PDB file of N, CA and C in Angstrom:
ATOM      1  N   GLN A   1       0.799  -1.150  -0.107  1.00  0.00           N
ATOM      2  CA  GLN A   1       0.059   0.040  -0.075  1.00  0.00           C
ATOM      3  C   GLN A   1       0.894   1.236   0.055  1.00  0.00           C
ATOM      4  N   VAL A   2       0.411   2.297  -0.826  1.00  0.00           N
ATOM      5  CA  VAL A   2       1.341   3.513  -0.976  1.00  0.00           C
ATOM      6  C   VAL A   2       1.226   4.237   0.393  1.00  0.00           C
ATOM      7  N   GLN A   3       2.322   4.616   0.648  1.00  0.00           N
ATOM      8  CA  GLN A   3       2.428   5.801   1.874  1.00  0.00           C
ATOM      9  C   GLN A   3       2.373   7.311   1.422  1.00  0.00           C
ATOM     10  N   LEU A   4       1.649   7.993   2.210  1.00  0.00           N
ATOM     11  CA  LEU A   4       1.568   9.472   1.933  1.00  0.00           C
ATOM     12  C   LEU A   4       2.073  10.188   3.068  1.00  0.00           C
ATOM     13  N   VAL A   5       2.974  11.354   2.904  1.00  0.00           N
ATOM     14  CA  VAL A   5       3.598  11.961   4.025  1.00  0.00           C
ATOM     15  C   VAL A   5       3.332  13.531   3.632  1.00  0.00           C
ATOM     16  N   GLU A   6       2.638  14.142   4.420  1.00  0.00           N
ATOM     17  CA  GLU A   6       2.381  15.741   4.296  1.00  0.00           C
ATOM     18  C   GLU A   6       3.496  16.435   5.183  1.00  0.00           C
ATOM     19  N   SER A   7       3.737  17.491   4.546  1.00  0.00           N
ATOM     20  CA  SER A   7       4.607  18.362   5.201  1.00  0.00           C
ATOM     21  C   SER A   7       4.236  20.024   4.790  1.00  0.00           C
ATOM     22  N   GLY A   8       4.930  20.817   5.415  1.00  0.00           N
ATOM     23  CA  GLY A   8       4.632  22.296   5.089  1.00  0.00           C
ATOM     24  C   GLY A   8       3.861  22.944   6.088  1.00  0.00           C
ATOM     25  N   GLY A   9       3.126  22.282   7.101  1.00  0.00           N
ATOM     26  CA  GLY A   9       2.430  23.030   7.928  1.00  0.00           C
ATOM     27  C   GLY A   9       3.130  24.005   8.819  1.00  0.00           C
ATOM     28  N   GLY A  10       2.462  24.606   9.679  1.00  0.00           N
ATOM     29  CA  GLY A  10       3.041  25.631  10.686  1.00  0.00           C
ATOM     30  C   GLY A  10       2.235  26.711  11.221  1.00  0.00           C
ATOM     31  N   TYR A  11       3.038  27.600  11.835  1.00  0.00           N
ATOM     32  CA  TYR A  11       2.064  28.779  12.425  1.00  0.00           C
ATOM     33  C   TYR A  11       2.066  30.117  11.500  1.00  0.00           C
ATOM     34  N   VAL A  12       1.057  30.664  11.185  1.00  0.00           N
ATOM     35  CA  VAL A  12       1.109  31.844  10.156  1.00  0.00           C
ATOM     36  C   VAL A  12       0.011  32.870  10.763  1.00  0.00           C
ATOM     37  N   GLN A  13       0.422  33.974  10.598  1.00  0.00           N
ATOM     38  CA  GLN A  13      -0.585  35.169  10.742  1.00  0.00           C
ATOM     39  C   GLN A  13      -1.637  35.065   9.871  1.00  0.00           C
ATOM     40  N   PRO A  14      -2.898  35.638  10.189  1.00  0.00           N
ATOM     41  CA  PRO A  14      -3.951  35.986   9.313  1.00  0.00           C
ATOM     42  C   PRO A  14      -3.447  36.644   7.914  1.00  0.00           C
ATOM     43  N   GLY A  15      -3.776  36.355   6.824  1.00  0.00           N
ATOM     44  CA  GLY A  15      -3.426  36.866   5.659  1.00  0.00           C
ATOM     45  C   GLY A  15      -2.087  36.282   4.990  1.00  0.00           C
ATOM     46  N   GLY A  16      -1.437  35.402   5.808  1.00  0.00           N
ATOM     47  CA  GLY A  16      -0.167  34.684   5.319  1.00  0.00           C
ATOM     48  C   GLY A  16      -0.433  33.549   4.260  1.00  0.00           C
ATOM     49  N   SER A  17       0.479  33.001   3.982  1.00  0.00           N
ATOM     50  CA  SER A  17       0.551  31.868   3.054  1.00  0.00           C
ATOM     51  C   SER A  17       1.419  30.616   3.604  1.00  0.00           C
ATOM     52  N   LEU A  18       0.856  29.359   3.149  1.00  0.00           N
ATOM     53  CA  LEU A  18       1.728  28.271   3.208  1.00  0.00           C
ATOM     54  C   LEU A  18       1.425  27.381   1.995  1.00  0.00           C
ATOM     55  N   ARG A  19       2.582  26.592   1.755  1.00  0.00           N
ATOM     56  CA  ARG A  19       2.397  25.569   0.982  1.00  0.00           C
ATOM     57  C   ARG A  19       2.553  24.220   1.451  1.00  0.00           C
ATOM     58  N   LEU A  20       1.570  23.397   1.408  1.00  0.00           N
ATOM     59  CA  LEU A  20       1.523  22.016   1.901  1.00  0.00           C
ATOM     60  C   LEU A  20       2.035  21.049   0.787  1.00  0.00           C
ATOM     61  N   SER A  21       2.632  20.092   1.172  1.00  0.00           N
ATOM     62  CA  SER A  21       3.265  18.953   0.286  1.00  0.00           C
ATOM     63  C   SER A  21       2.534  17.644   0.665  1.00  0.00           C
ATOM     64  N   CYS A  22       2.274  16.733  -0.203  1.00  0.00           N
ATOM     65  CA  CYS A  22       2.010  15.406  -0.001  1.00  0.00           C
ATOM     66  C   CYS A  22       2.842  14.597  -0.935  1.00  0.00           C
ATOM     67  N   ALA A  23       3.798  13.862  -0.191  1.00  0.00           N
ATOM     68  CA  ALA A  23       4.663  13.040  -0.968  1.00  0.00           C
ATOM     69  C   ALA A  23       4.119  11.531  -0.940  1.00  0.00           C
ATOM     70  N   ALA A  24       4.245  10.994  -2.060  1.00  0.00           N
ATOM     71  CA  ALA A  24       3.842   9.483  -2.142  1.00  0.00           C
ATOM     72  C   ALA A  24       5.192   8.660  -2.141  1.00  0.00           C
ATOM     73  N   SER A  25       5.057   7.341  -1.883  1.00  0.00           N
ATOM     74  CA  SER A  25       6.172   6.435  -1.694  1.00  0.00           C
ATOM     75  C   SER A  25       6.347   5.784  -3.182  1.00  0.00           C
ATOM     76  N   GLY A  26       5.269   5.950  -3.976  1.00  0.00           N
ATOM     77  CA  GLY A  26       5.356   5.400  -5.448  1.00  0.00           C
ATOM     78  C   GLY A  26       4.773   6.510  -6.462  1.00  0.00           C
ATOM     79  N   ASN A  27       4.826   6.082  -7.728  1.00  0.00           N
ATOM     80  CA  ASN A  27       4.341   7.068  -8.603  1.00  0.00           C
ATOM     81  C   ASN A  27       2.871   6.650  -8.870  1.00  0.00           C
ATOM     82  N   ILE A  28       2.033   7.549  -8.061  1.00  0.00           N
ATOM     83  CA  ILE A  28       0.684   7.126  -8.178  1.00  0.00           C
ATOM     84  C   ILE A  28      -0.353   8.330  -8.665  1.00  0.00           C
ATOM     85  N   PHE A  29       0.315   9.478  -8.587  1.00  0.00           N
ATOM     86  CA  PHE A  29      -0.436  10.813  -8.795  1.00  0.00           C
ATOM     87  C   PHE A  29      -0.861  10.820 -10.253  1.00  0.00           C
ATOM     88  N   GLY A  30      -0.182  10.285 -11.162  1.00  0.00           N
ATOM     89  CA  GLY A  30      -0.525  10.316 -12.542  1.00  0.00           C
ATOM     90  C   GLY A  30      -1.711   9.212 -12.797  1.00  0.00           C
ATOM     91  N   ARG A  31      -2.037   8.398 -11.896  1.00  0.00           N
ATOM     92  CA  ARG A  31      -2.908   7.444 -12.262  1.00  0.00           C
ATOM     93  C   ARG A  31      -4.243   7.363 -11.214  1.00  0.00           C
ATOM     94  N   TYR A  32      -4.028   8.108 -10.161  1.00  0.00           N
ATOM     95  CA  TYR A  32      -5.093   8.331  -9.213  1.00  0.00           C
ATOM     96  C   TYR A  32      -5.332   9.738  -8.749  1.00  0.00           C
ATOM     97  N   SER A  33      -6.665  10.013  -8.425  1.00  0.00           N
ATOM     98  CA  SER A  33      -6.938  11.151  -7.861  1.00  0.00           C
ATOM     99  C   SER A  33      -6.498  11.452  -6.341  1.00  0.00           C
ATOM    100  N   THR A  34      -6.159  12.600  -6.067  1.00  0.00           N
ATOM    101  CA  THR A  34      -5.533  12.877  -4.747  1.00  0.00           C
ATOM    102  C   THR A  34      -6.462  13.970  -4.025  1.00  0.00           C
ATOM    103  N   ASP A  35      -6.804  13.860  -2.966  1.00  0.00           N
ATOM    104  CA  ASP A  35      -7.774  14.883  -2.249  1.00  0.00           C
ATOM    105  C   ASP A  35      -6.928  15.482  -0.944  1.00  0.00           C
ATOM    106  N   TRP A  36      -7.143  16.628  -0.689  1.00  0.00           N
ATOM    107  CA  TRP A  36      -6.812  17.164   0.565  1.00  0.00           C
ATOM    108  C   TRP A  36      -8.163  17.372   1.311  1.00  0.00           C
ATOM    109  N   TYR A  37      -7.978  17.120   2.809  1.00  0.00           N
ATOM    110  CA  TYR A  37      -8.983  17.192   3.794  1.00  0.00           C
ATOM    111  C   TYR A  37      -8.244  17.988   4.877  1.00  0.00           C
ATOM    112  N   ARG A  38      -9.234  18.460   5.695  1.00  0.00           N
ATOM    113  CA  ARG A  38      -8.659  18.989   6.967  1.00  0.00           C
ATOM    114  C   ARG A  38      -9.692  18.852   8.044  1.00  0.00           C
ATOM    115  N   GLN A  39      -9.315  18.817   9.356  1.00  0.00           N
ATOM    116  CA  GLN A  39     -10.185  18.700  10.487  1.00  0.00           C
ATOM    117  C   GLN A  39      -9.524  19.538  11.489  1.00  0.00           C
ATOM    118  N   ALA A  40     -10.592  20.409  11.977  1.00  0.00           N
ATOM    119  CA  ALA A  40     -10.339  21.268  13.048  1.00  0.00           C
ATOM    120  C   ALA A  40     -10.775  20.574  14.442  1.00  0.00           C
ATOM    121  N   PRO A  41     -10.292  21.201  15.461  1.00  0.00           N
ATOM    122  CA  PRO A  41     -10.630  20.566  16.681  1.00  0.00           C
ATOM    123  C   PRO A  41     -12.115  20.649  16.944  1.00  0.00           C
ATOM    124  N   GLY A  42     -12.611  19.432  17.395  1.00  0.00           N
ATOM    125  CA  GLY A  42     -13.978  19.341  17.669  1.00  0.00           C
ATOM    126  C   GLY A  42     -14.943  19.273  16.520  1.00  0.00           C
ATOM    127  N   LYS A  43     -14.243  19.208  15.157  1.00  0.00           N
ATOM    128  CA  LYS A  43     -15.146  19.345  14.019  1.00  0.00           C
ATOM    129  C   LYS A  43     -14.915  18.066  13.119  1.00  0.00           C
ATOM    130  N   GLN A  44     -15.785  17.806  12.184  1.00  0.00           N
ATOM    131  CA  GLN A  44     -15.582  16.744  11.365  1.00  0.00           C
ATOM    132  C   GLN A  44     -14.642  16.980  10.331  1.00  0.00           C
ATOM    133  N   ARG A  45     -14.011  16.010   9.767  1.00  0.00           N
ATOM    134  CA  ARG A  45     -13.128  16.226   8.494  1.00  0.00           C
ATOM    135  C   ARG A  45     -13.739  16.780   7.354  1.00  0.00           C
ATOM    136  N   GLU A  46     -13.359  17.496   6.916  1.00  0.00           N
ATOM    137  CA  GLU A  46     -13.692  18.439   5.698  1.00  0.00           C
ATOM    138  C   GLU A  46     -13.140  18.309   4.471  1.00  0.00           C
ATOM    139  N   TRP A  47     -13.710  18.100   3.451  1.00  0.00           N
ATOM    140  CA  TRP A  47     -12.907  17.941   2.151  1.00  0.00           C
ATOM    141  C   TRP A  47     -12.507  19.328   1.509  1.00  0.00           C
ATOM    142  N   VAL A  48     -11.285  19.533   1.252  1.00  0.00           N
ATOM    143  CA  VAL A  48     -10.716  20.905   0.776  1.00  0.00           C
ATOM    144  C   VAL A  48     -10.667  21.007  -0.822  1.00  0.00           C
ATOM    145  N   ALA A  49      -9.987  19.838  -1.367  1.00  0.00           N
ATOM    146  CA  ALA A  49      -9.606  20.083  -2.759  1.00  0.00           C
ATOM    147  C   ALA A  49      -9.113  18.649  -3.404  1.00  0.00           C
ATOM    148  N   VAL A  50      -9.297  18.517  -4.657  1.00  0.00           N
ATOM    149  CA  VAL A  50      -9.019  17.291  -5.394  1.00  0.00           C
ATOM    150  C   VAL A  50      -8.323  17.504  -6.845  1.00  0.00           C
ATOM    151  N   ILE A  51      -7.367  16.654  -7.053  1.00  0.00           N
ATOM    152  CA  ILE A  51      -6.787  16.808  -8.338  1.00  0.00           C
ATOM    153  C   ILE A  51      -6.731  15.381  -8.892  1.00  0.00           C
ATOM    154  N   THR A  52      -7.307  15.089 -10.117  1.00  0.00           N
ATOM    155  CA  THR A  52      -7.427  13.932 -10.628  1.00  0.00           C
ATOM    156  C   THR A  52      -6.365  13.663 -11.416  1.00  0.00           C
ATOM    157  N   HIS A  53      -6.059  12.400 -12.089  1.00  0.00           N
ATOM    158  CA  HIS A  53      -5.041  11.946 -12.822  1.00  0.00           C
ATOM    159  C   HIS A  53      -4.994  12.624 -14.451  1.00  0.00           C
ATOM    160  N   THR A  54      -6.082  13.165 -14.608  1.00  0.00           N
ATOM    161  CA  THR A  54      -6.334  13.934 -15.838  1.00  0.00           C
ATOM    162  C   THR A  54      -6.147  15.500 -15.575  1.00  0.00           C
ATOM    163  N   ASP A  55      -5.729  15.786 -14.326  1.00  0.00           N
ATOM    164  CA  ASP A  55      -5.266  17.199 -13.943  1.00  0.00           C
ATOM    165  C   ASP A  55      -6.738  18.061 -13.793  1.00  0.00           C
ATOM    166  N   TYR A  56      -7.908  17.494 -13.819  1.00  0.00           N
ATOM    167  CA  TYR A  56      -9.021  18.310 -13.326  1.00  0.00           C
ATOM    168  C   TYR A  56      -8.868  18.413 -11.816  1.00  0.00           C
ATOM    169  N   THR A  57      -9.376  19.852 -11.417  1.00  0.00           N
ATOM    170  CA  THR A  57      -9.178  20.154 -10.126  1.00  0.00           C
ATOM    171  C   THR A  57     -10.451  20.795  -9.667  1.00  0.00           C
ATOM    172  N   SER A  58     -10.744  20.618  -8.313  1.00  0.00           N
ATOM    173  CA  SER A  58     -12.055  21.127  -7.762  1.00  0.00           C
ATOM    174  C   SER A  58     -11.640  21.610  -6.317  1.00  0.00           C
ATOM    175  N   ILE A  59     -12.274  22.774  -6.012  1.00  0.00           N
ATOM    176  CA  ILE A  59     -11.821  23.296  -4.693  1.00  0.00           C
ATOM    177  C   ILE A  59     -13.031  23.640  -3.936  1.00  0.00           C
ATOM    178  N   ALA A  60     -13.173  23.427  -2.626  1.00  0.00           N
ATOM    179  CA  ALA A  60     -14.379  23.627  -1.587  1.00  0.00           C
ATOM    180  C   ALA A  60     -14.577  25.087  -1.801  1.00  0.00           C
ATOM    181  N   ASP A  61     -15.958  25.211  -1.733  1.00  0.00           N
ATOM    182  CA  ASP A  61     -16.338  26.848  -1.696  1.00  0.00           C
ATOM    183  C   ASP A  61     -15.738  27.672  -0.600  1.00  0.00           C
ATOM    184  N   SER A  62     -15.610  26.973   0.581  1.00  0.00           N
ATOM    185  CA  SER A  62     -15.072  27.640   1.807  1.00  0.00           C
ATOM    186  C   SER A  62     -13.744  28.182   1.543  1.00  0.00           C
ATOM    187  N   VAL A  63     -12.886  27.678   0.485  1.00  0.00           N
ATOM    188  CA  VAL A  63     -11.434  28.007   0.312  1.00  0.00           C
ATOM    189  C   VAL A  63     -11.051  28.505  -1.085  1.00  0.00           C
ATOM    190  N   LYS A  64     -12.322  28.491  -1.878  1.00  0.00           N
ATOM    191  CA  LYS A  64     -12.013  28.804  -3.337  1.00  0.00           C
ATOM    192  C   LYS A  64     -11.625  30.328  -3.313  1.00  0.00           C
ATOM    193  N   GLY A  65     -10.670  30.505  -4.421  1.00  0.00           N
ATOM    194  CA  GLY A  65     -10.057  31.839  -4.666  1.00  0.00           C
ATOM    195  C   GLY A  65      -8.789  32.150  -3.643  1.00  0.00           C
ATOM    196  N   ARG A  66      -8.704  31.237  -2.637  1.00  0.00           N
ATOM    197  CA  ARG A  66      -7.462  31.298  -1.803  1.00  0.00           C
ATOM    198  C   ARG A  66      -6.656  30.308  -1.901  1.00  0.00           C
ATOM    199  N   PHE A  67      -7.081  28.948  -2.206  1.00  0.00           N
ATOM    200  CA  PHE A  67      -6.261  27.735  -2.049  1.00  0.00           C
ATOM    201  C   PHE A  67      -6.186  27.335  -3.537  1.00  0.00           C
ATOM    202  N   THR A  68      -5.246  26.651  -3.911  1.00  0.00           N
ATOM    203  CA  THR A  68      -4.899  25.917  -5.229  1.00  0.00           C
ATOM    204  C   THR A  68      -4.296  24.524  -4.826  1.00  0.00           C
ATOM    205  N   ILE A  69      -4.590  23.704  -5.809  1.00  0.00           N
ATOM    206  CA  ILE A  69      -3.913  22.259  -5.683  1.00  0.00           C
ATOM    207  C   ILE A  69      -3.219  22.143  -7.021  1.00  0.00           C
ATOM    208  N   SER A  70      -2.154  21.481  -6.829  1.00  0.00           N
ATOM    209  CA  SER A  70      -1.345  21.124  -8.160  1.00  0.00           C
ATOM    210  C   SER A  70      -0.542  19.803  -7.728  1.00  0.00           C
ATOM    211  N   ARG A  71       0.231  19.344  -8.796  1.00  0.00           N
ATOM    212  CA  ARG A  71       1.207  18.125  -8.404  1.00  0.00           C
ATOM    213  C   ARG A  71       2.268  18.069  -9.330  1.00  0.00           C
ATOM    214  N   ASP A  72       3.374  17.432  -8.985  1.00  0.00           N
ATOM    215  CA  ASP A  72       4.533  17.314  -9.856  1.00  0.00           C
ATOM    216  C   ASP A  72       4.669  15.852  -9.900  1.00  0.00           C
ATOM    217  N   ASN A  73       4.413  15.243 -10.929  1.00  0.00           N
ATOM    218  CA  ASN A  73       4.574  13.686 -11.096  1.00  0.00           C
ATOM    219  C   ASN A  73       5.880  13.469 -10.895  1.00  0.00           C
ATOM    220  N   GLY A  74       6.915  13.907 -11.442  1.00  0.00           N
ATOM    221  CA  GLY A  74       8.128  13.698 -11.388  1.00  0.00           C
ATOM    222  C   GLY A  74       8.777  13.648  -9.929  1.00  0.00           C
ATOM    223  N   LYS A  75       8.114  14.458  -9.121  1.00  0.00           N
ATOM    224  CA  LYS A  75       8.408  14.443  -7.702  1.00  0.00           C
ATOM    225  C   LYS A  75       7.595  13.467  -6.780  1.00  0.00           C
ATOM    226  N   ASN A  76       6.496  12.862  -7.435  1.00  0.00           N
ATOM    227  CA  ASN A  76       5.672  12.115  -6.485  1.00  0.00           C
ATOM    228  C   ASN A  76       4.838  13.078  -5.597  1.00  0.00           C
ATOM    229  N   THR A  77       4.671  14.255  -5.911  1.00  0.00           N
ATOM    230  CA  THR A  77       4.107  15.218  -4.836  1.00  0.00           C
ATOM    231  C   THR A  77       2.855  15.962  -5.300  1.00  0.00           C
ATOM    232  N   VAL A  78       1.961  16.072  -4.343  1.00  0.00           N
ATOM    233  CA  VAL A  78       0.954  16.936  -4.589  1.00  0.00           C
ATOM    234  C   VAL A  78       0.958  17.979  -3.759  1.00  0.00           C
ATOM    235  N   TYR A  79       0.761  19.326  -4.111  1.00  0.00           N
ATOM    236  CA  TYR A  79       0.825  20.548  -3.406  1.00  0.00           C
ATOM    237  C   TYR A  79      -0.710  21.083  -3.096  1.00  0.00           C
ATOM    238  N   LEU A  80      -0.668  21.829  -1.915  1.00  0.00           N
ATOM    239  CA  LEU A  80      -1.770  22.673  -1.745  1.00  0.00           C
ATOM    240  C   LEU A  80      -1.289  23.967  -1.336  1.00  0.00           C
ATOM    241  N   GLN A  81      -1.563  25.016  -2.130  1.00  0.00           N
ATOM    242  CA  GLN A  81      -1.007  26.393  -1.904  1.00  0.00           C
ATOM    243  C   GLN A  81      -2.116  27.112  -1.257  1.00  0.00           C
ATOM    244  N   MET A  82      -1.761  27.710  -0.234  1.00  0.00           N
ATOM    245  CA  MET A  82      -2.851  28.293   0.612  1.00  0.00           C
ATOM    246  C   MET A  82      -2.481  29.810   0.799  1.00  0.00           C
ATOM    247  N   ASN A  83      -3.298  30.697   0.299  1.00  0.00           N
ATOM    248  CA  ASN A  83      -2.999  31.976   0.472  1.00  0.00           C
ATOM    249  C   ASN A  83      -4.293  32.840   1.261  1.00  0.00           C
ATOM    250  N   SER A  84      -4.020  34.035   1.745  1.00  0.00           N
ATOM    251  CA  SER A  84      -4.952  34.722   2.486  1.00  0.00           C
ATOM    252  C   SER A  84      -5.430  33.944   3.586  1.00  0.00           C
ATOM    253  N   LEU A  85      -4.778  33.346   4.213  1.00  0.00           N
ATOM    254  CA  LEU A  85      -5.103  32.373   5.326  1.00  0.00           C
ATOM    255  C   LEU A  85      -5.998  33.141   6.542  1.00  0.00           C
ATOM    256  N   LYS A  86      -6.775  32.484   6.882  1.00  0.00           N
ATOM    257  CA  LYS A  86      -7.665  32.960   8.048  1.00  0.00           C
ATOM    258  C   LYS A  86      -7.758  31.978   9.309  1.00  0.00           C
ATOM    259  N   PRO A  87      -8.050  32.619  10.471  1.00  0.00           N
ATOM    260  CA  PRO A  87      -8.007  31.665  11.730  1.00  0.00           C
ATOM    261  C   PRO A  87      -8.974  30.450  11.467  1.00  0.00           C
ATOM    262  N   GLU A  88      -9.930  30.530  10.584  1.00  0.00           N
ATOM    263  CA  GLU A  88     -10.935  29.432  10.542  1.00  0.00           C
ATOM    264  C   GLU A  88     -10.367  28.276   9.664  1.00  0.00           C
ATOM    265  N   ASP A  89      -9.275  28.688   9.052  1.00  0.00           N
ATOM    266  CA  ASP A  89      -8.340  27.590   8.351  1.00  0.00           C
ATOM    267  C   ASP A  89      -7.549  26.747   9.074  1.00  0.00           C
ATOM    268  N   THR A  90      -7.553  27.118  10.356  1.00  0.00           N
ATOM    269  CA  THR A  90      -6.757  26.333  11.452  1.00  0.00           C
ATOM    270  C   THR A  90      -7.356  24.821  11.508  1.00  0.00           C
ATOM    271  N   ALA A  91      -6.321  23.972  11.213  1.00  0.00           N
ATOM    272  CA  ALA A  91      -6.804  22.604  11.223  1.00  0.00           C
ATOM    273  C   ALA A  91      -5.572  21.636  11.007  1.00  0.00           C
ATOM    274  N   VAL A  92      -5.758  20.238  11.067  1.00  0.00           N
ATOM    275  CA  VAL A  92      -4.729  19.390  10.552  1.00  0.00           C
ATOM    276  C   VAL A  92      -5.335  18.884   9.314  1.00  0.00           C
ATOM    277  N   TYR A  93      -4.316  19.297   8.435  1.00  0.00           N
ATOM    278  CA  TYR A  93      -4.537  18.926   6.898  1.00  0.00           C
ATOM    279  C   TYR A  93      -3.896  17.560   6.499  1.00  0.00           C
ATOM    280  N   TYR A  94      -4.847  16.749   5.896  1.00  0.00           N
ATOM    281  CA  TYR A  94      -4.252  15.376   5.385  1.00  0.00           C
ATOM    282  C   TYR A  94      -4.608  15.191   3.785  1.00  0.00           C
ATOM    283  N   CYS A  95      -3.618  14.531   3.114  1.00  0.00           N
ATOM    284  CA  CYS A  95      -3.968  13.989   1.814  1.00  0.00           C
ATOM    285  C   CYS A  95      -4.410  12.643   1.935  1.00  0.00           C
ATOM    286  N   HIS A  96      -5.119  12.414   0.628  1.00  0.00           N
ATOM    287  CA  HIS A  96      -5.778  10.985   0.676  1.00  0.00           C
ATOM    288  C   HIS A  96      -5.557  10.516  -0.842  1.00  0.00           C
ATOM    289  N   GLY A  97      -5.357   9.460  -1.202  1.00  0.00           N
ATOM    290  CA  GLY A  97      -5.224   8.864  -2.586  1.00  0.00           C
ATOM    291  C   GLY A  97      -4.420   7.600  -2.698  1.00  0.00           C
ATOM    292  N   GLY A  98      -4.449   7.172  -4.001  1.00  0.00           N
ATOM    293  CA  GLY A  98      -3.833   5.928  -4.405  1.00  0.00           C
ATOM    294  C   GLY A  98      -4.815   4.855  -4.462  1.00  0.00           C
ATOM    295  N   PRO A  99      -4.301   3.633  -4.704  1.00  0.00           N
ATOM    296  CA  PRO A  99      -5.086   2.379  -4.950  1.00  0.00           C
ATOM    297  C   PRO A  99      -5.857   1.825  -3.812  1.00  0.00           C
ATOM    298  N   GLY A 100      -6.776   0.873  -4.092  1.00  0.00           N
ATOM    299  CA  GLY A 100      -7.254   0.202  -3.049  1.00  0.00           C
ATOM    300  C   GLY A 100      -8.230   0.983  -2.257  1.00  0.00           C
ATOM    301  N   GLY A 101      -8.850   1.968  -2.506  1.00  0.00           N
ATOM    302  CA  GLY A 101      -9.614   2.915  -1.596  1.00  0.00           C
ATOM    303  C   GLY A 101      -8.783   4.174  -1.201  1.00  0.00           C
ATOM    304  N   GLY A 102      -7.583   4.066  -1.362  1.00  0.00           N
ATOM    305  CA  GLY A 102      -6.662   5.318  -1.123  1.00  0.00           C
ATOM    306  C   GLY A 102      -6.023   5.165   0.309  1.00  0.00           C
ATOM    307  N   SER A 103      -4.913   5.759   0.515  1.00  0.00           N
ATOM    308  CA  SER A 103      -4.418   6.006   1.723  1.00  0.00           C
ATOM    309  C   SER A 103      -4.397   7.158   2.378  1.00  0.00           C
ATOM    310  N   TRP A 104      -4.154   7.458   3.797  1.00  0.00           N
ATOM    311  CA  TRP A 104      -4.171   8.776   4.336  1.00  0.00           C
ATOM    312  C   TRP A 104      -2.705   9.005   4.751  1.00  0.00           C
ATOM    313  N   GLY A 105      -2.505  10.118   4.723  1.00  0.00           N
ATOM    314  CA  GLY A 105      -1.201  10.549   5.462  1.00  0.00           C
ATOM    315  C   GLY A 105      -1.402  10.870   6.925  1.00  0.00           C
ATOM    316  N   GLN A 106      -0.177  11.386   7.624  1.00  0.00           N
ATOM    317  CA  GLN A 106      -0.439  11.313   9.021  1.00  0.00           C
ATOM    318  C   GLN A 106      -1.001  12.875   9.533  1.00  0.00           C
ATOM    319  N   GLY A 107      -0.955  13.730   8.517  1.00  0.00           N
ATOM    320  CA  GLY A 107      -1.544  15.053   8.644  1.00  0.00           C
ATOM    321  C   GLY A 107      -0.462  16.050   9.033  1.00  0.00           C
ATOM    322  N   THR A 108      -0.755  17.173   8.630  1.00  0.00           N
ATOM    323  CA  THR A 108       0.304  18.362   9.023  1.00  0.00           C
ATOM    324  C   THR A 108      -0.595  19.464   9.681  1.00  0.00           C
ATOM    325  N   GLN A 109      -0.167  19.859  10.873  1.00  0.00           N
ATOM    326  CA  GLN A 109      -0.908  21.077  11.534  1.00  0.00           C
ATOM    327  C   GLN A 109      -0.476  22.490  10.755  1.00  0.00           C
ATOM    328  N   VAL A 110      -1.772  23.091  10.609  1.00  0.00           N
ATOM    329  CA  VAL A 110      -1.660  24.575  10.216  1.00  0.00           C
ATOM    330  C   VAL A 110      -2.559  25.434  11.256  1.00  0.00           C
ATOM    331  N   THR A 111      -1.904  26.421  11.646  1.00  0.00           N
ATOM    332  CA  THR A 111      -2.358  27.262  12.683  1.00  0.00           C
ATOM    333  C   THR A 111      -2.190  28.682  12.256  1.00  0.00           C
ATOM    334  N   VAL A 112      -3.347  29.338  12.110  1.00  0.00           N
ATOM    335  CA  VAL A 112      -3.640  30.658  11.702  1.00  0.00           C
ATOM    336  C   VAL A 112      -3.929  31.573  12.966  1.00  0.00           C
ATOM    337  N   SER A 113      -3.019  32.488  13.413  1.00  0.00           N
ATOM    338  CA  SER A 113      -3.470  33.127  14.419  1.00  0.00           C
ATOM    339  C   SER A 113      -2.414  34.394  14.600  1.00  0.00           C
ATOM    340  N   SER A 114      -3.128  35.556  15.015  1.00  0.00           N
ATOM    341  CA  SER A 114      -2.324  36.579  15.343  1.00  0.00           C
ATOM    342  C   SER A 114      -1.718  36.740  16.772  1.00  0.00           C
TER     343      SER A 114
END
């Protein structure tokens, strides 16, 4: 089963930017869709964005215009560029994808606060 590892989270002030990375243990992103989800404390996991193997992308309304998803097949990595961050974007961000129903990464914490 493929392993996914997220990175790039951290602490940022409102209005700031972060780029999250989701690195796969194998070359899967050219064959499978990859999603980003997030989970804030006390809330259910929320879908954020998807990129398919044909490069179709979709972004949740809550972050549309601020977040973009992209991938680099050569690096086996999917990115989530997050701009104009708000305190309500604070959450653990997870990527999900790959064969057999997909795998989850361990998550990366994003904290937006002044």
